[in-house]
Amino acid sequence: MTEFTVKVDGIRRKEFMQANHFMALKQYLAVAGLLLLLALSILIINGSDQFKNLWALAIVIPVVPIVYHISFLRAYGKYPYGEMEMTYVFDERGWRLTVNDQTGVVAWANTLKLRRTKTVFLLYARTEGRRGLVSNVLPRRCLTDEQAEQIVTWFNEKKI
């Protein structure tokens, strides 16, 4: 396979939510870890008999993912993700994404991570003029099995 095009007729809510949960996992773990360290520091400073106050920590840490989940739902509602038409073009050099009248081109060498979930492929790319990584959501429902395997193959070949 030399080149193929994938048309995406919008990102569904489930796909958006799953992609954002994967992208926020490190942030959640960092926040939960910091809260845990803060609570343990306070307990150590105040004395070990204060462990009965751990109930606050037991309430706060599970609340963090709920807050993330609500913020993702609000973000999905604010923007027309479900109506966005996107076109991906993949080949052995990299991939191109067109949304509306804007096109971005990414070489496989600049695709730093490829994550596969039940419903989406997440392509993490480094782009010029932006700090950090940009994540791109490609719904699996838009790919054939052969196309999905070809994307993985091209991504893995860039590591060699």
Protein backbone atom coordinates (compact mmCIF):
# COMPACT_ATOMS: atom_id res chain seq x y z
CA MET A 1 0.00 0.00 0.00
CA THR A 2 1.51 3.32 -1.02
CA GLU A 3 -1.04 5.96 -0.06
CA PHE A 4 -4.59 5.99 1.24
CA THR A 5 -7.16 8.56 2.26
CA VAL A 6 -9.42 8.37 5.30
CA LYS A 7 -12.49 10.59 5.52
CA VAL A 8 -13.84 11.33 9.00
CA ASP A 9 -17.41 12.57 9.28
CA GLY A 10 -17.08 14.02 12.75
CA ILE A 11 -15.78 12.88 16.10
CA ARG A 12 -18.48 11.16 18.12
CA ARG A 13 -18.91 11.92 21.80
CA LYS A 14 -17.62 8.50 22.92
CA GLU A 15 -14.51 8.87 20.73
CA PHE A 16 -13.86 12.39 22.02
CA MET A 17 -14.26 11.32 25.63
CA GLN A 18 -12.00 8.29 25.30
CA ALA A 19 -9.30 10.32 23.54
CA ASN A 20 -9.38 13.04 26.20
CA HIS A 21 -9.30 10.56 29.06
CA PHE A 22 -6.14 9.01 27.64
CA MET A 23 -4.58 12.43 27.07
CA ALA A 24 -5.38 13.60 30.63
CA LEU A 25 -4.22 10.44 32.40
CA LYS A 26 -0.74 11.80 33.18
CA GLN A 27 -2.21 15.07 34.46
CA TYR A 28 -4.63 13.18 36.69
CA LEU A 29 -1.87 10.99 38.10
CA ALA A 30 0.30 14.05 38.73
CA VAL A 31 -2.51 15.89 40.55
CA ALA A 32 -3.43 12.80 42.59
CA GLY A 33 0.24 12.21 43.47
CA LEU A 34 0.71 15.81 44.56
CA LEU A 35 -2.42 15.67 46.71
CA LEU A 36 -1.18 12.45 48.29
CA LEU A 37 2.26 13.94 49.00
CA LEU A 38 0.68 17.07 50.45
CA ALA A 39 -1.60 15.06 52.72
CA LEU A 40 1.21 12.78 53.88
CA SER A 41 3.46 15.81 54.52
CA ILE A 42 0.78 17.41 56.67
CA LEU A 43 0.31 14.14 58.58
CA ILE A 44 4.03 13.81 59.21
CA ILE A 45 4.34 17.42 60.35
CA ASN A 46 1.31 17.17 62.66
CA GLY A 47 2.21 13.76 64.05
CA SER A 48 1.25 10.22 63.16
CA ASP A 49 -1.92 10.24 65.27
CA GLN A 50 -3.56 12.44 62.62
CA PHE A 51 -4.15 9.53 60.21
CA LYS A 52 -7.86 9.73 60.99
CA ASN A 53 -7.87 12.82 58.73
CA LEU A 54 -7.12 10.71 55.66
CA TRP A 55 -10.86 10.64 54.88
CA ALA A 56 -10.43 14.06 53.20
CA LEU A 57 -7.81 12.61 50.89
CA ALA A 58 -10.03 9.61 50.17
CA ILE A 59 -12.73 12.04 49.01
CA VAL A 60 -10.54 14.47 47.05
CA ILE A 61 -8.55 12.02 44.90
CA PRO A 62 -11.60 10.33 43.30
CA VAL A 63 -13.16 13.76 42.67
CA VAL A 64 -10.31 14.77 40.33
CA PRO A 65 -11.32 12.41 37.46
CA ILE A 66 -14.96 13.47 37.87
CA VAL A 67 -13.92 17.10 37.38
CA TYR A 68 -11.90 16.12 34.29
CA HIS A 69 -14.86 14.14 32.91
CA ILE A 70 -17.25 17.07 33.36
CA SER A 71 -14.80 19.46 31.71
CA PHE A 72 -14.49 17.10 28.71
CA LEU A 73 -18.28 16.92 28.37
CA ARG A 74 -18.48 20.69 28.41
CA ALA A 75 -15.69 20.98 25.82
CA TYR A 76 -17.47 18.53 23.51
CA GLY A 77 -20.68 20.54 23.81
CA LYS A 78 -18.95 23.88 23.06
CA TYR A 79 -17.32 22.90 19.77
CA PRO A 80 -18.80 21.20 16.70
CA TYR A 81 -16.64 18.06 16.91
CA GLY A 82 -19.55 15.94 15.75
CA GLU A 83 -19.93 18.04 12.60
CA MET A 84 -16.25 18.39 11.68
CA GLU A 85 -15.24 16.81 8.40
CA MET A 86 -11.62 15.78 8.31
CA THR A 87 -9.48 14.09 5.72
CA TYR A 88 -6.33 12.17 6.57
CA VAL A 89 -3.92 11.09 3.83
CA PHE A 90 -1.27 8.55 4.85
CA ASP A 91 1.82 7.37 3.00
CA GLU A 92 5.29 6.04 3.82
CA ARG A 93 6.64 9.58 4.43
CA GLY A 94 3.98 10.68 6.92
CA TRP A 95 0.44 11.96 7.01
CA ARG A 96 -1.60 15.00 6.12
CA LEU A 97 -4.70 16.23 7.92
CA THR A 98 -7.17 18.64 6.33
CA VAL A 99 -9.94 20.25 8.39
CA ASN A 100 -12.08 22.80 6.57
CA ASP A 101 -9.56 24.75 4.49
CA GLN A 102 -6.52 24.17 6.71
CA THR A 103 -3.98 21.43 6.09
CA GLY A 104 -1.18 20.17 8.29
CA VAL A 105 1.59 17.86 7.13
CA VAL A 106 3.47 15.65 9.60
CA ALA A 107 6.40 13.37 8.79
CA TRP A 108 6.55 10.01 10.57
CA ALA A 109 9.76 11.26 12.22
CA ASN A 110 7.67 14.00 13.91
CA THR A 111 4.96 11.56 15.00
CA LEU A 112 6.27 10.87 18.47
CA LYS A 113 3.59 8.55 19.75
CA LEU A 114 0.80 6.42 18.36
CA ARG A 115 -1.77 5.16 20.82
CA ARG A 116 -4.58 2.79 19.93
CA THR A 117 -7.72 2.58 22.02
CA LYS A 118 -10.97 0.70 21.44
CA THR A 119 -12.46 3.52 19.40
CA VAL A 120 -9.64 5.82 18.25
CA PHE A 121 -6.06 6.16 17.11
CA LEU A 122 -4.25 9.05 18.81
CA LEU A 123 -1.42 10.49 16.76
CA TYR A 124 0.87 12.70 18.84
CA ALA A 125 2.93 15.03 16.69
CA ARG A 126 5.51 17.73 17.18
CA THR A 127 4.70 20.77 15.07
CA GLU A 128 6.62 23.94 14.33
CA GLY A 129 5.70 27.02 16.29
CA ARG A 130 4.00 25.12 19.13
CA ARG A 131 5.40 23.89 22.38
CA GLY A 132 4.75 20.31 23.32
CA LEU A 133 2.76 17.79 21.37
CA VAL A 134 -0.41 18.09 19.36
CA SER A 135 -2.76 15.13 19.53
CA ASN A 136 -4.91 14.16 16.58
CA VAL A 137 -7.93 11.88 16.88
CA LEU A 138 -8.59 9.34 14.14
CA PRO A 139 -11.70 7.21 14.77
CA ARG A 140 -11.16 3.48 14.18
CA ARG A 141 -14.60 3.21 12.57
CA CYS A 142 -13.20 5.12 9.58
CA LEU A 143 -10.33 2.67 8.99
CA THR A 144 -10.19 -0.78 7.50
CA ASP A 145 -8.10 -3.35 9.37
CA GLU A 146 -5.52 -3.18 6.59
CA GLN A 147 -5.25 0.61 6.87
CA ALA A 148 -4.90 0.44 10.64
CA GLU A 149 -2.06 -2.08 10.35
CA GLN A 150 -0.36 0.00 7.65
CA ILE A 151 -0.39 3.09 9.89
CA VAL A 152 1.20 1.08 12.70
CA THR A 153 3.79 -0.36 10.32
CA TRP A 154 4.79 3.04 8.93
CA PHE A 155 4.97 4.49 12.43
CA ASN A 156 7.16 1.61 13.68
CA GLU A 157 9.44 1.80 10.62
CA LYS A 158 10.36 5.41 11.43
CA LYS A 159 11.95 4.15 14.68
CA ILE A 160 14.42 1.94 12.82
